[in-house]
Amino acid sequence: MRSWKFVVPVFVIVLFASSALAAGSSMSSTSSSSGNWTFGINGGGSFPTGDYKDLANTGWNIGGQGDYWINSMWGVGVDASYHANNAQDDFNTALVPIFGTGSEAKYSTIQYGAHAIFMIPTQGTQVFPYLQGGVGGYNVKQKIEGGTTTSDESVNKFGVNIGAGVDFRATPVLNLGVGGTYHYVTKDEKIGDKALNWFGVQARVNFKIPTSSK
């Protein structure tokens, strides 16, 4: 595992959080979540499971989302993310007879879609556990290079994702948190004729923009 790959997305999150904390410390929030918008970024590791684990190693991801809060518990929004994984050594070895010595495969996925989010009620006002589920498009790319022959295949597929996590209030308008999301993408012959499924584990920063008050 090349753990240094996690450093880039997490470093971006830390920088954003530091800037947002400085800006948010001087702002006030509304007494109601209804009508508020939240925007955020997230980043961390992507961990293949199932058939995808036979093809790809642990990778990294970075993304963002925007949500409109219908009330204090329910929100709807859009999201997008980028996931990158290198192929397993055994898979790269199997490529050599076809693509030549030194062949390596890399996978990348651009995900975009819509989701609903449910904030689990708690007695406190500083910790906010949540559940989230969504659907959308996944542009999956398999690139083989390093040998005598190269290949570059991409396909657009439908997928679903479900997740959960917890946010912690840092300022009246800023939450810091961690979360996990399971992604499932339908199979296609261009990407090994296997379904792609993986867990994304992210650190996240959410910034609230109040649009109404009571």
N, C-alpha and C. Protein backbone atom coordinates (compact mmCIF):
# COMPACT_ATOMS: atom_id res chain seq x y z
N MET A 1 0.84 -1.19 0.00
CA MET A 1 0.00 0.00 0.00
C MET A 1 0.88 1.25 0.00
N ARG A 2 0.57 2.16 -0.86
CA ARG A 2 1.33 3.40 -0.92
C ARG A 2 0.56 4.48 -0.16
N SER A 3 0.75 4.48 1.16
CA SER A 3 -0.07 5.34 2.02
C SER A 3 0.13 6.81 1.76
N TRP A 4 1.27 7.19 1.11
CA TRP A 4 1.50 8.61 0.86
C TRP A 4 0.44 9.20 -0.04
N LYS A 5 -0.26 8.37 -0.79
CA LYS A 5 -1.28 8.89 -1.69
C LYS A 5 -2.45 9.51 -0.93
N PHE A 6 -2.63 9.12 0.35
CA PHE A 6 -3.70 9.70 1.15
C PHE A 6 -3.36 11.13 1.58
N VAL A 7 -2.07 11.46 1.53
CA VAL A 7 -1.63 12.75 2.07
C VAL A 7 -2.22 13.91 1.28
N VAL A 8 -2.27 13.79 -0.05
CA VAL A 8 -2.74 14.91 -0.88
C VAL A 8 -4.18 15.29 -0.57
N PRO A 9 -5.17 14.35 -0.66
CA PRO A 9 -6.54 14.77 -0.35
C PRO A 9 -6.74 15.22 1.08
N VAL A 10 -6.07 14.55 2.03
CA VAL A 10 -6.23 14.94 3.44
C VAL A 10 -5.60 16.31 3.68
N PHE A 11 -4.47 16.59 3.04
CA PHE A 11 -3.82 17.89 3.18
C PHE A 11 -4.72 19.00 2.67
N VAL A 12 -5.41 18.74 1.55
CA VAL A 12 -6.35 19.73 1.01
C VAL A 12 -7.47 20.00 2.01
N ILE A 13 -7.98 18.94 2.65
CA ILE A 13 -9.04 19.09 3.64
C ILE A 13 -8.55 19.94 4.81
N VAL A 14 -7.34 19.67 5.27
CA VAL A 14 -6.80 20.42 6.41
C VAL A 14 -6.65 21.89 6.07
N LEU A 15 -6.15 22.20 4.88
CA LEU A 15 -6.00 23.60 4.47
C LEU A 15 -7.35 24.29 4.40
N PHE A 16 -8.33 23.61 3.81
CA PHE A 16 -9.67 24.20 3.71
C PHE A 16 -10.26 24.42 5.09
N ALA A 17 -10.09 23.44 5.97
CA ALA A 17 -10.64 23.56 7.32
C ALA A 17 -10.02 24.73 8.07
N SER A 18 -8.71 24.90 7.92
CA SER A 18 -8.03 26.00 8.61
C SER A 18 -8.54 27.35 8.14
N SER A 19 -8.71 27.48 6.81
CA SER A 19 -9.21 28.74 6.26
C SER A 19 -10.65 28.99 6.68
N ALA A 20 -11.46 27.92 6.63
CA ALA A 20 -12.88 28.06 6.98
C ALA A 20 -13.06 28.37 8.46
N LEU A 21 -12.22 27.79 9.30
CA LEU A 21 -12.31 28.10 10.73
C LEU A 21 -12.03 29.57 11.00
N ALA A 22 -11.04 30.10 10.32
CA ALA A 22 -10.71 31.50 10.50
C ALA A 22 -11.83 32.40 10.03
N ALA A 23 -12.45 32.04 8.89
CA ALA A 23 -13.53 32.86 8.36
C ALA A 23 -14.82 32.68 9.14
N GLY A 24 -15.08 31.43 9.57
CA GLY A 24 -16.35 31.14 10.23
C GLY A 24 -16.43 31.60 11.66
N SER A 25 -15.31 31.84 12.28
CA SER A 25 -15.32 32.21 13.69
C SER A 25 -15.99 33.56 13.93
N SER A 26 -16.08 34.38 12.89
CA SER A 26 -16.67 35.70 13.07
C SER A 26 -18.09 35.79 12.53
N MET A 27 -18.67 34.62 12.11
CA MET A 27 -20.00 34.61 11.52
C MET A 27 -21.00 34.03 12.51
N SER A 28 -22.27 34.33 12.32
CA SER A 28 -23.32 33.79 13.18
C SER A 28 -24.19 32.85 12.38
N SER A 29 -24.92 31.98 13.07
CA SER A 29 -25.81 31.02 12.41
C SER A 29 -27.25 31.33 12.75
N THR A 30 -28.15 30.69 12.00
CA THR A 30 -29.58 30.85 12.29
C THR A 30 -29.98 29.84 13.34
N SER A 31 -31.16 30.01 13.92
CA SER A 31 -31.63 29.09 14.93
C SER A 31 -32.33 27.89 14.31
N SER A 32 -32.52 27.87 13.00
CA SER A 32 -33.18 26.76 12.32
C SER A 32 -32.35 26.31 11.13
N SER A 33 -32.32 24.98 10.90
CA SER A 33 -31.61 24.44 9.74
C SER A 33 -32.44 24.53 8.48
N SER A 34 -33.74 24.71 8.60
CA SER A 34 -34.61 24.76 7.44
C SER A 34 -34.23 25.92 6.52
N GLY A 35 -34.09 25.62 5.24
CA GLY A 35 -33.75 26.65 4.27
C GLY A 35 -32.28 26.93 4.13
N ASN A 36 -31.43 26.23 4.89
CA ASN A 36 -29.98 26.45 4.81
C ASN A 36 -29.36 25.60 3.71
N TRP A 37 -28.28 26.13 3.16
CA TRP A 37 -27.43 25.38 2.24
C TRP A 37 -26.12 25.06 2.93
N THR A 38 -25.57 23.87 2.68
CA THR A 38 -24.23 23.53 3.14
C THR A 38 -23.40 23.06 1.95
N PHE A 39 -22.15 23.46 1.95
CA PHE A 39 -21.21 23.05 0.91
C PHE A 39 -19.96 22.50 1.58
N GLY A 40 -19.35 21.50 0.97
CA GLY A 40 -18.17 20.93 1.59
C GLY A 40 -17.28 20.17 0.63
N ILE A 41 -16.10 19.82 1.14
CA ILE A 41 -15.18 18.98 0.39
C ILE A 41 -14.77 17.81 1.28
N ASN A 42 -14.31 16.73 0.66
CA ASN A 42 -13.89 15.55 1.40
C ASN A 42 -12.77 14.85 0.64
N GLY A 43 -12.01 14.06 1.35
CA GLY A 43 -10.93 13.32 0.72
C GLY A 43 -10.39 12.25 1.63
N GLY A 44 -9.85 11.18 1.03
CA GLY A 44 -9.31 10.09 1.82
C GLY A 44 -8.92 8.90 0.97
N GLY A 45 -9.22 7.69 1.45
CA GLY A 45 -8.82 6.47 0.77
C GLY A 45 -9.98 5.77 0.10
N SER A 46 -9.67 5.03 -0.99
CA SER A 46 -10.65 4.20 -1.70
C SER A 46 -10.20 2.75 -1.61
N PHE A 47 -11.06 1.89 -1.05
CA PHE A 47 -10.69 0.51 -0.74
C PHE A 47 -11.55 -0.46 -1.55
N PRO A 48 -11.01 -1.06 -2.61
CA PRO A 48 -11.79 -1.99 -3.44
C PRO A 48 -12.27 -3.20 -2.64
N THR A 49 -13.45 -3.70 -2.99
CA THR A 49 -14.00 -4.90 -2.37
C THR A 49 -14.50 -5.82 -3.48
N GLY A 50 -14.86 -7.05 -3.12
CA GLY A 50 -15.42 -7.99 -4.08
C GLY A 50 -14.51 -8.25 -5.26
N ASP A 51 -15.09 -8.33 -6.46
CA ASP A 51 -14.33 -8.59 -7.67
C ASP A 51 -13.31 -7.49 -7.95
N TYR A 52 -13.65 -6.27 -7.58
CA TYR A 52 -12.75 -5.14 -7.85
C TYR A 52 -11.46 -5.27 -7.06
N LYS A 53 -11.52 -5.94 -5.91
CA LYS A 53 -10.33 -6.13 -5.08
C LYS A 53 -9.31 -7.02 -5.79
N ASP A 54 -9.80 -7.91 -6.69
CA ASP A 54 -8.90 -8.76 -7.48
C ASP A 54 -8.15 -7.96 -8.54
N LEU A 55 -8.68 -6.78 -8.89
CA LEU A 55 -8.08 -5.98 -9.95
C LEU A 55 -7.23 -4.83 -9.41
N ALA A 56 -7.68 -4.18 -8.34
CA ALA A 56 -7.08 -2.90 -7.94
C ALA A 56 -6.65 -2.87 -6.49
N ASN A 57 -5.60 -2.11 -6.23
CA ASN A 57 -5.12 -1.85 -4.87
C ASN A 57 -5.89 -0.69 -4.25
N THR A 58 -5.64 -0.47 -2.96
CA THR A 58 -6.18 0.70 -2.27
C THR A 58 -5.67 1.98 -2.94
N GLY A 59 -6.58 2.95 -3.13
CA GLY A 59 -6.22 4.20 -3.77
C GLY A 59 -6.66 5.40 -2.96
N TRP A 60 -6.94 6.49 -3.63
CA TRP A 60 -7.31 7.72 -2.93
C TRP A 60 -8.49 8.38 -3.65
N ASN A 61 -9.12 9.32 -2.97
CA ASN A 61 -10.26 10.02 -3.56
C ASN A 61 -10.34 11.44 -3.02
N ILE A 62 -10.99 12.30 -3.78
CA ILE A 62 -11.29 13.66 -3.34
C ILE A 62 -12.59 14.08 -4.00
N GLY A 63 -13.41 14.86 -3.31
CA GLY A 63 -14.70 15.24 -3.87
C GLY A 63 -15.35 16.39 -3.11
N GLY A 64 -16.59 16.65 -3.46
CA GLY A 64 -17.35 17.71 -2.81
C GLY A 64 -18.83 17.50 -2.98
N GLN A 65 -19.62 18.24 -2.21
CA GLN A 65 -21.08 18.14 -2.31
C GLN A 65 -21.73 19.42 -1.82
N GLY A 66 -22.96 19.61 -2.27
CA GLY A 66 -23.79 20.72 -1.82
C GLY A 66 -25.15 20.19 -1.43
N ASP A 67 -25.70 20.67 -0.31
CA ASP A 67 -26.98 20.17 0.20
C ASP A 67 -27.92 21.31 0.56
N TYR A 68 -29.18 21.09 0.26
CA TYR A 68 -30.24 21.99 0.71
C TYR A 68 -31.02 21.28 1.81
N TRP A 69 -31.16 21.95 2.97
CA TRP A 69 -31.80 21.31 4.13
C TRP A 69 -33.27 21.67 4.19
N ILE A 70 -34.11 20.65 4.02
CA ILE A 70 -35.56 20.83 4.08
C ILE A 70 -36.00 21.14 5.50
N ASN A 71 -35.39 20.45 6.45
CA ASN A 71 -35.62 20.72 7.87
C ASN A 71 -34.36 20.30 8.63
N SER A 72 -34.45 20.19 9.94
CA SER A 72 -33.25 19.91 10.74
C SER A 72 -32.72 18.48 10.56
N MET A 73 -33.54 17.60 9.94
CA MET A 73 -33.12 16.21 9.79
C MET A 73 -32.87 15.80 8.35
N TRP A 74 -33.60 16.37 7.39
CA TRP A 74 -33.54 15.90 6.01
C TRP A 74 -32.94 16.94 5.07
N GLY A 75 -32.07 16.45 4.20
CA GLY A 75 -31.49 17.31 3.17
C GLY A 75 -31.38 16.55 1.85
N VAL A 76 -31.32 17.29 0.76
CA VAL A 76 -31.10 16.72 -0.57
C VAL A 76 -29.99 17.51 -1.24
N GLY A 77 -29.24 16.84 -2.12
CA GLY A 77 -28.13 17.56 -2.73
C GLY A 77 -27.49 16.83 -3.89
N VAL A 78 -26.40 17.39 -4.34
CA VAL A 78 -25.61 16.81 -5.44
C VAL A 78 -24.18 16.61 -4.95
N ASP A 79 -23.48 15.69 -5.60
CA ASP A 79 -22.11 15.39 -5.19
C ASP A 79 -21.29 14.93 -6.38
N ALA A 80 -19.98 15.05 -6.25
CA ALA A 80 -19.05 14.58 -7.28
C ALA A 80 -17.75 14.19 -6.60
N SER A 81 -17.05 13.22 -7.18
CA SER A 81 -15.78 12.79 -6.60
C SER A 81 -14.90 12.14 -7.66
N TYR A 82 -13.62 12.07 -7.35
CA TYR A 82 -12.64 11.43 -8.22
C TYR A 82 -11.91 10.37 -7.42
N HIS A 83 -11.86 9.14 -7.96
CA HIS A 83 -11.20 8.02 -7.29
C HIS A 83 -10.10 7.48 -8.20
N ALA A 84 -8.94 7.15 -7.64
CA ALA A 84 -7.82 6.63 -8.41
C ALA A 84 -7.22 5.41 -7.70
N ASN A 85 -6.99 4.35 -8.47
CA ASN A 85 -6.41 3.10 -7.94
C ASN A 85 -5.44 2.50 -8.94
N ASN A 86 -4.32 1.99 -8.44
CA ASN A 86 -3.41 1.20 -9.27
C ASN A 86 -3.83 -0.26 -9.24
N ALA A 87 -3.48 -1.01 -10.29
CA ALA A 87 -3.86 -2.42 -10.37
C ALA A 87 -3.02 -3.28 -9.43
N GLN A 88 -3.57 -4.43 -9.07
CA GLN A 88 -2.84 -5.41 -8.29
C GLN A 88 -1.65 -5.95 -9.08
N ASP A 89 -0.59 -6.37 -8.39
CA ASP A 89 0.59 -6.90 -9.05
C ASP A 89 0.26 -8.14 -9.89
N ASP A 90 -0.61 -9.02 -9.37
CA ASP A 90 -0.97 -10.22 -10.11
C ASP A 90 -1.66 -9.88 -11.43
N PHE A 91 -2.49 -8.84 -11.39
CA PHE A 91 -3.19 -8.43 -12.61
C PHE A 91 -2.19 -7.84 -13.61
N ASN A 92 -1.24 -7.05 -13.11
CA ASN A 92 -0.22 -6.49 -14.01
C ASN A 92 0.63 -7.59 -14.64
N THR A 93 0.94 -8.62 -13.87
CA THR A 93 1.72 -9.74 -14.40
C THR A 93 0.97 -10.44 -15.53
N ALA A 94 -0.35 -10.56 -15.37
CA ALA A 94 -1.15 -11.21 -16.40
C ALA A 94 -1.23 -10.38 -17.68
N LEU A 95 -0.89 -9.10 -17.60
CA LEU A 95 -0.93 -8.24 -18.78
C LEU A 95 0.30 -8.39 -19.66
N VAL A 96 1.40 -8.88 -19.08
CA VAL A 96 2.69 -8.92 -19.79
C VAL A 96 2.64 -9.67 -21.12
N PRO A 97 2.03 -10.87 -21.22
CA PRO A 97 2.00 -11.57 -22.51
C PRO A 97 1.29 -10.79 -23.62
N ILE A 98 0.40 -9.89 -23.25
CA ILE A 98 -0.38 -9.15 -24.25
C ILE A 98 0.21 -7.77 -24.51
N PHE A 99 0.60 -7.08 -23.42
CA PHE A 99 1.02 -5.68 -23.55
C PHE A 99 2.53 -5.48 -23.39
N GLY A 100 3.26 -6.52 -23.01
CA GLY A 100 4.70 -6.41 -22.91
C GLY A 100 5.20 -6.21 -21.49
N THR A 101 6.50 -6.45 -21.31
CA THR A 101 7.12 -6.31 -19.99
C THR A 101 7.00 -4.87 -19.47
N GLY A 102 6.69 -4.76 -18.18
CA GLY A 102 6.54 -3.45 -17.56
C GLY A 102 5.14 -2.88 -17.62
N SER A 103 4.20 -3.64 -18.17
CA SER A 103 2.82 -3.15 -18.29
C SER A 103 2.18 -2.97 -16.92
N GLU A 104 1.50 -1.85 -16.74
CA GLU A 104 0.78 -1.56 -15.50
C GLU A 104 -0.58 -0.97 -15.84
N ALA A 105 -1.58 -1.37 -15.09
CA ALA A 105 -2.93 -0.84 -15.28
C ALA A 105 -3.27 0.13 -14.16
N LYS A 106 -3.99 1.17 -14.50
CA LYS A 106 -4.47 2.14 -13.53
C LYS A 106 -5.96 2.38 -13.77
N TYR A 107 -6.69 2.54 -12.67
CA TYR A 107 -8.13 2.79 -12.74
C TYR A 107 -8.43 4.17 -12.16
N SER A 108 -9.34 4.87 -12.82
CA SER A 108 -9.82 6.15 -12.28
C SER A 108 -11.31 6.24 -12.53
N THR A 109 -12.01 6.84 -11.59
CA THR A 109 -13.46 6.96 -11.68
C THR A 109 -13.89 8.37 -11.32
N ILE A 110 -14.66 8.97 -12.20
CA ILE A 110 -15.31 10.25 -11.90
C ILE A 110 -16.77 9.96 -11.60
N GLN A 111 -17.18 10.26 -10.39
CA GLN A 111 -18.55 9.99 -9.94
C GLN A 111 -19.31 11.29 -9.79
N TYR A 112 -20.58 11.30 -10.23
CA TYR A 112 -21.42 12.49 -10.08
C TYR A 112 -22.86 12.03 -9.92
N GLY A 113 -23.61 12.72 -9.06
CA GLY A 113 -24.98 12.28 -8.84
C GLY A 113 -25.72 13.12 -7.83
N ALA A 114 -26.84 12.57 -7.37
CA ALA A 114 -27.72 13.23 -6.41
C ALA A 114 -27.94 12.29 -5.23
N HIS A 115 -28.28 12.88 -4.09
CA HIS A 115 -28.43 12.07 -2.89
C HIS A 115 -29.43 12.69 -1.92
N ALA A 116 -29.83 11.89 -0.96
CA ALA A 116 -30.60 12.38 0.20
C ALA A 116 -29.78 12.09 1.45
N ILE A 117 -29.89 12.96 2.43
CA ILE A 117 -29.13 12.79 3.66
C ILE A 117 -30.06 12.95 4.86
N PHE A 118 -29.89 12.07 5.85
CA PHE A 118 -30.70 12.07 7.06
C PHE A 118 -29.79 12.29 8.26
N MET A 119 -30.02 13.37 8.97
CA MET A 119 -29.25 13.68 10.17
C MET A 119 -29.94 13.02 11.37
N ILE A 120 -29.26 12.07 11.99
CA ILE A 120 -29.85 11.33 13.11
C ILE A 120 -30.00 12.25 14.33
N PRO A 121 -31.21 12.35 14.88
CA PRO A 121 -31.41 13.25 16.03
C PRO A 121 -30.56 12.83 17.23
N THR A 122 -29.97 13.80 17.90
CA THR A 122 -29.21 13.57 19.12
C THR A 122 -29.60 14.62 20.15
N GLN A 123 -29.26 14.37 21.40
CA GLN A 123 -29.60 15.32 22.46
C GLN A 123 -28.64 16.50 22.49
N GLY A 124 -27.43 16.30 22.01
CA GLY A 124 -26.46 17.37 22.03
C GLY A 124 -26.56 18.25 20.79
N THR A 125 -25.77 19.32 20.78
CA THR A 125 -25.77 20.25 19.65
C THR A 125 -24.39 20.35 19.02
N GLN A 126 -23.49 19.44 19.37
CA GLN A 126 -22.13 19.51 18.86
C GLN A 126 -21.74 18.32 17.99
N VAL A 127 -22.51 17.24 18.06
CA VAL A 127 -22.19 16.01 17.32
C VAL A 127 -23.40 15.65 16.46
N PHE A 128 -23.14 15.37 15.15
CA PHE A 128 -24.23 15.15 14.21
C PHE A 128 -23.97 13.90 13.35
N PRO A 129 -24.44 12.72 13.81
CA PRO A 129 -24.33 11.52 12.98
C PRO A 129 -25.34 11.57 11.83
N TYR A 130 -25.00 10.97 10.71
CA TYR A 130 -25.87 11.04 9.54
C TYR A 130 -25.81 9.77 8.71
N LEU A 131 -26.85 9.58 7.90
CA LEU A 131 -26.92 8.52 6.88
C LEU A 131 -27.15 9.20 5.53
N GLN A 132 -26.61 8.59 4.47
CA GLN A 132 -26.75 9.21 3.15
C GLN A 132 -26.85 8.13 2.08
N GLY A 133 -27.67 8.36 1.06
CA GLY A 133 -27.79 7.43 -0.05
C GLY A 133 -27.98 8.20 -1.34
N GLY A 134 -27.40 7.69 -2.43
CA GLY A 134 -27.50 8.42 -3.69
C GLY A 134 -27.37 7.52 -4.91
N VAL A 135 -27.64 8.10 -6.06
CA VAL A 135 -27.51 7.44 -7.36
C VAL A 135 -26.79 8.40 -8.30
N GLY A 136 -26.25 7.85 -9.39
CA GLY A 136 -25.60 8.76 -10.32
C GLY A 136 -24.81 8.04 -11.39
N GLY A 137 -24.02 8.82 -12.11
CA GLY A 137 -23.19 8.31 -13.17
C GLY A 137 -21.76 8.10 -12.70
N TYR A 138 -21.10 7.12 -13.28
CA TYR A 138 -19.71 6.80 -12.98
C TYR A 138 -18.95 6.64 -14.28
N ASN A 139 -18.01 7.52 -14.55
CA ASN A 139 -17.14 7.38 -15.70
C ASN A 139 -15.89 6.62 -15.25
N VAL A 140 -15.80 5.36 -15.66
CA VAL A 140 -14.73 4.48 -15.22
C VAL A 140 -13.71 4.34 -16.35
N LYS A 141 -12.44 4.52 -16.01
CA LYS A 141 -11.36 4.46 -17.00
C LYS A 141 -10.31 3.45 -16.58
N GLN A 142 -9.93 2.60 -17.53
CA GLN A 142 -8.83 1.65 -17.32
C GLN A 142 -7.72 1.99 -18.31
N LYS A 143 -6.56 2.34 -17.78
CA LYS A 143 -5.43 2.73 -18.62
C LYS A 143 -4.27 1.78 -18.39
N ILE A 144 -3.75 1.20 -19.48
CA ILE A 144 -2.62 0.27 -19.41
C ILE A 144 -1.46 0.90 -20.16
N GLU A 145 -0.32 1.03 -19.47
CA GLU A 145 0.85 1.64 -20.08
C GLU A 145 2.11 1.04 -19.49
N GLY A 146 3.28 1.43 -20.03
CA GLY A 146 4.55 0.95 -19.52
C GLY A 146 5.14 -0.20 -20.29
N GLY A 147 4.35 -0.85 -21.15
CA GLY A 147 4.84 -1.96 -21.95
C GLY A 147 5.05 -1.55 -23.40
N THR A 148 5.00 -2.53 -24.29
CA THR A 148 5.18 -2.25 -25.72
C THR A 148 3.88 -1.80 -26.38
N THR A 149 2.75 -2.10 -25.73
CA THR A 149 1.44 -1.72 -26.25
C THR A 149 0.65 -1.05 -25.13
N THR A 150 -0.14 -0.06 -25.48
CA THR A 150 -0.95 0.64 -24.48
C THR A 150 -2.44 0.45 -24.77
N SER A 151 -3.23 0.73 -23.77
CA SER A 151 -4.69 0.64 -23.90
C SER A 151 -5.32 1.72 -23.03
N ASP A 152 -6.37 2.30 -23.52
CA ASP A 152 -7.08 3.36 -22.78
C ASP A 152 -8.57 3.20 -23.02
N GLU A 153 -9.25 2.56 -22.08
CA GLU A 153 -10.69 2.28 -22.20
C GLU A 153 -11.46 3.05 -21.14
N SER A 154 -12.59 3.59 -21.52
CA SER A 154 -13.45 4.25 -20.54
C SER A 154 -14.91 3.94 -20.88
N VAL A 155 -15.73 3.96 -19.87
CA VAL A 155 -17.14 3.63 -20.05
C VAL A 155 -17.95 4.40 -19.02
N ASN A 156 -19.13 4.83 -19.40
CA ASN A 156 -20.05 5.50 -18.48
C ASN A 156 -21.08 4.50 -17.98
N LYS A 157 -21.17 4.34 -16.68
CA LYS A 157 -22.06 3.36 -16.08
C LYS A 157 -22.93 4.00 -15.00
N PHE A 158 -24.03 3.33 -14.69
CA PHE A 158 -24.91 3.74 -13.60
C PHE A 158 -24.43 3.09 -12.31
N GLY A 159 -24.55 3.82 -11.22
CA GLY A 159 -24.15 3.25 -9.93
C GLY A 159 -24.96 3.82 -8.78
N VAL A 160 -24.81 3.20 -7.63
CA VAL A 160 -25.48 3.66 -6.41
C VAL A 160 -24.44 3.75 -5.29
N ASN A 161 -24.74 4.52 -4.28
CA ASN A 161 -23.84 4.62 -3.13
C ASN A 161 -24.63 4.87 -1.85
N ILE A 162 -24.15 4.33 -0.77
CA ILE A 162 -24.74 4.55 0.55
C ILE A 162 -23.61 4.86 1.53
N GLY A 163 -23.90 5.68 2.52
CA GLY A 163 -22.85 6.05 3.43
C GLY A 163 -23.35 6.47 4.80
N ALA A 164 -22.42 6.69 5.68
CA ALA A 164 -22.72 7.15 7.04
C ALA A 164 -21.48 7.84 7.59
N GLY A 165 -21.71 8.65 8.60
CA GLY A 165 -20.59 9.34 9.21
C GLY A 165 -21.03 10.19 10.38
N VAL A 166 -20.13 11.03 10.83
CA VAL A 166 -20.45 11.92 11.94
C VAL A 166 -19.71 13.24 11.75
N ASP A 167 -20.42 14.34 11.98
CA ASP A 167 -19.84 15.68 11.92
C ASP A 167 -19.74 16.25 13.33
N PHE A 168 -18.76 17.12 13.51
CA PHE A 168 -18.56 17.78 14.80
C PHE A 168 -18.55 19.29 14.57
N ARG A 169 -19.33 20.02 15.34
CA ARG A 169 -19.41 21.47 15.17
C ARG A 169 -18.13 22.13 15.62
N ALA A 170 -17.51 22.89 14.72
CA ALA A 170 -16.29 23.63 15.04
C ALA A 170 -16.60 25.10 15.30
N THR A 171 -17.51 25.66 14.51
CA THR A 171 -18.01 27.02 14.70
C THR A 171 -19.49 27.00 14.38
N PRO A 172 -20.24 28.09 14.60
CA PRO A 172 -21.66 28.08 14.26
C PRO A 172 -21.96 27.77 12.80
N VAL A 173 -20.99 27.96 11.90
CA VAL A 173 -21.24 27.71 10.48
C VAL A 173 -20.31 26.67 9.88
N LEU A 174 -19.52 25.99 10.70
CA LEU A 174 -18.54 25.04 10.17
C LEU A 174 -18.55 23.73 10.93
N ASN A 175 -18.68 22.62 10.20
CA ASN A 175 -18.59 21.28 10.76
C ASN A 175 -17.39 20.54 10.18
N LEU A 176 -16.69 19.80 11.03
CA LEU A 176 -15.63 18.90 10.60
C LEU A 176 -16.08 17.48 10.89
N GLY A 177 -15.76 16.54 10.01
CA GLY A 177 -16.25 15.20 10.24
C GLY A 177 -15.49 14.13 9.50
N VAL A 178 -15.95 12.89 9.71
CA VAL A 178 -15.43 11.72 9.02
C VAL A 178 -16.62 10.92 8.52
N GLY A 179 -16.43 10.21 7.41
CA GLY A 179 -17.52 9.43 6.87
C GLY A 179 -17.01 8.32 5.97
N GLY A 180 -17.89 7.38 5.70
CA GLY A 180 -17.58 6.29 4.79
C GLY A 180 -18.71 6.10 3.80
N THR A 181 -18.36 5.76 2.56
CA THR A 181 -19.36 5.56 1.50
C THR A 181 -19.05 4.30 0.71
N TYR A 182 -20.07 3.46 0.51
CA TYR A 182 -19.92 2.26 -0.31
C TYR A 182 -20.48 2.54 -1.70
N HIS A 183 -19.67 2.29 -2.74
CA HIS A 183 -20.07 2.52 -4.12
C HIS A 183 -20.23 1.19 -4.85
N TYR A 184 -21.26 1.10 -5.68
CA TYR A 184 -21.47 -0.09 -6.52
C TYR A 184 -21.75 0.36 -7.94
N VAL A 185 -20.93 -0.12 -8.88
CA VAL A 185 -21.06 0.23 -10.30
C VAL A 185 -21.31 -1.04 -11.10
N THR A 186 -22.32 -1.03 -11.95
CA THR A 186 -22.67 -2.21 -12.73
C THR A 186 -21.53 -2.60 -13.66
N LYS A 187 -21.43 -3.90 -13.97
CA LYS A 187 -20.30 -4.43 -14.72
C LYS A 187 -20.38 -4.07 -16.20
N ASP A 188 -19.20 -4.12 -16.85
CA ASP A 188 -19.10 -3.84 -18.27
C ASP A 188 -17.89 -4.59 -18.82
N GLU A 189 -18.00 -5.12 -20.03
CA GLU A 189 -16.89 -5.91 -20.60
C GLU A 189 -15.64 -5.08 -20.82
N LYS A 190 -15.78 -3.76 -20.96
CA LYS A 190 -14.62 -2.91 -21.16
C LYS A 190 -13.76 -2.76 -19.91
N ILE A 191 -14.34 -3.07 -18.75
CA ILE A 191 -13.61 -2.95 -17.49
C ILE A 191 -13.56 -4.31 -16.78
N GLY A 192 -13.28 -5.34 -17.58
CA GLY A 192 -13.10 -6.66 -17.02
C GLY A 192 -14.37 -7.45 -16.83
N ASP A 193 -15.51 -6.93 -17.29
CA ASP A 193 -16.80 -7.60 -17.16
C ASP A 193 -17.11 -7.96 -15.70
N LYS A 194 -16.72 -7.08 -14.80
CA LYS A 194 -16.98 -7.28 -13.39
C LYS A 194 -17.57 -6.01 -12.78
N ALA A 195 -18.46 -6.23 -11.82
CA ALA A 195 -18.98 -5.07 -11.09
C ALA A 195 -17.86 -4.46 -10.25
N LEU A 196 -17.87 -3.14 -10.16
CA LEU A 196 -16.86 -2.45 -9.36
C LEU A 196 -17.50 -1.95 -8.07
N ASN A 197 -16.97 -2.40 -6.95
CA ASN A 197 -17.47 -1.94 -5.67
C ASN A 197 -16.31 -1.62 -4.75
N TRP A 198 -16.46 -0.52 -4.04
CA TRP A 198 -15.39 -0.09 -3.14
C TRP A 198 -15.95 0.79 -2.04
N PHE A 199 -15.18 0.89 -0.96
CA PHE A 199 -15.48 1.80 0.14
C PHE A 199 -14.60 3.03 0.03
N GLY A 200 -15.20 4.19 0.16
CA GLY A 200 -14.46 5.42 0.29
C GLY A 200 -14.53 5.89 1.73
N VAL A 201 -13.39 6.15 2.35
CA VAL A 201 -13.34 6.66 3.72
C VAL A 201 -12.72 8.04 3.66
N GLN A 202 -13.45 9.05 4.16
CA GLN A 202 -13.02 10.44 3.97
C GLN A 202 -13.07 11.26 5.25
N ALA A 203 -12.16 12.23 5.31
CA ALA A 203 -12.32 13.36 6.22
C ALA A 203 -13.13 14.41 5.46
N ARG A 204 -13.97 15.19 6.15
CA ARG A 204 -14.84 16.13 5.46
C ARG A 204 -14.96 17.45 6.21
N VAL A 205 -15.20 18.49 5.43
CA VAL A 205 -15.41 19.83 5.96
C VAL A 205 -16.69 20.37 5.32
N ASN A 206 -17.65 20.80 6.13
CA ASN A 206 -18.90 21.37 5.63
C ASN A 206 -19.09 22.78 6.14
N PHE A 207 -19.47 23.67 5.23
CA PHE A 207 -19.65 25.08 5.57
C PHE A 207 -21.09 25.47 5.31
N LYS A 208 -21.77 26.03 6.31
CA LYS A 208 -23.18 26.38 6.21
C LYS A 208 -23.35 27.83 5.75
N ILE A 209 -24.26 28.00 4.78
CA ILE A 209 -24.61 29.36 4.31
C ILE A 209 -26.07 29.59 4.65
N PRO A 210 -26.38 30.29 5.74
CA PRO A 210 -27.78 30.52 6.12
C PRO A 210 -28.49 31.38 5.09
N THR A 211 -29.71 30.95 4.74
CA THR A 211 -30.52 31.72 3.80
C THR A 211 -31.87 32.13 4.38
N SER A 212 -32.17 31.66 5.59
CA SER A 212 -33.40 32.07 6.24
C SER A 212 -33.20 31.99 7.73
N SER A 213 -34.03 32.69 8.48
CA SER A 213 -33.91 32.65 9.94
C SER A 213 -35.28 32.78 10.55
N LYS A 214 -35.37 32.39 11.81
CA LYS A 214 -36.63 32.49 12.55
C LYS A 214 -36.39 33.20 13.87
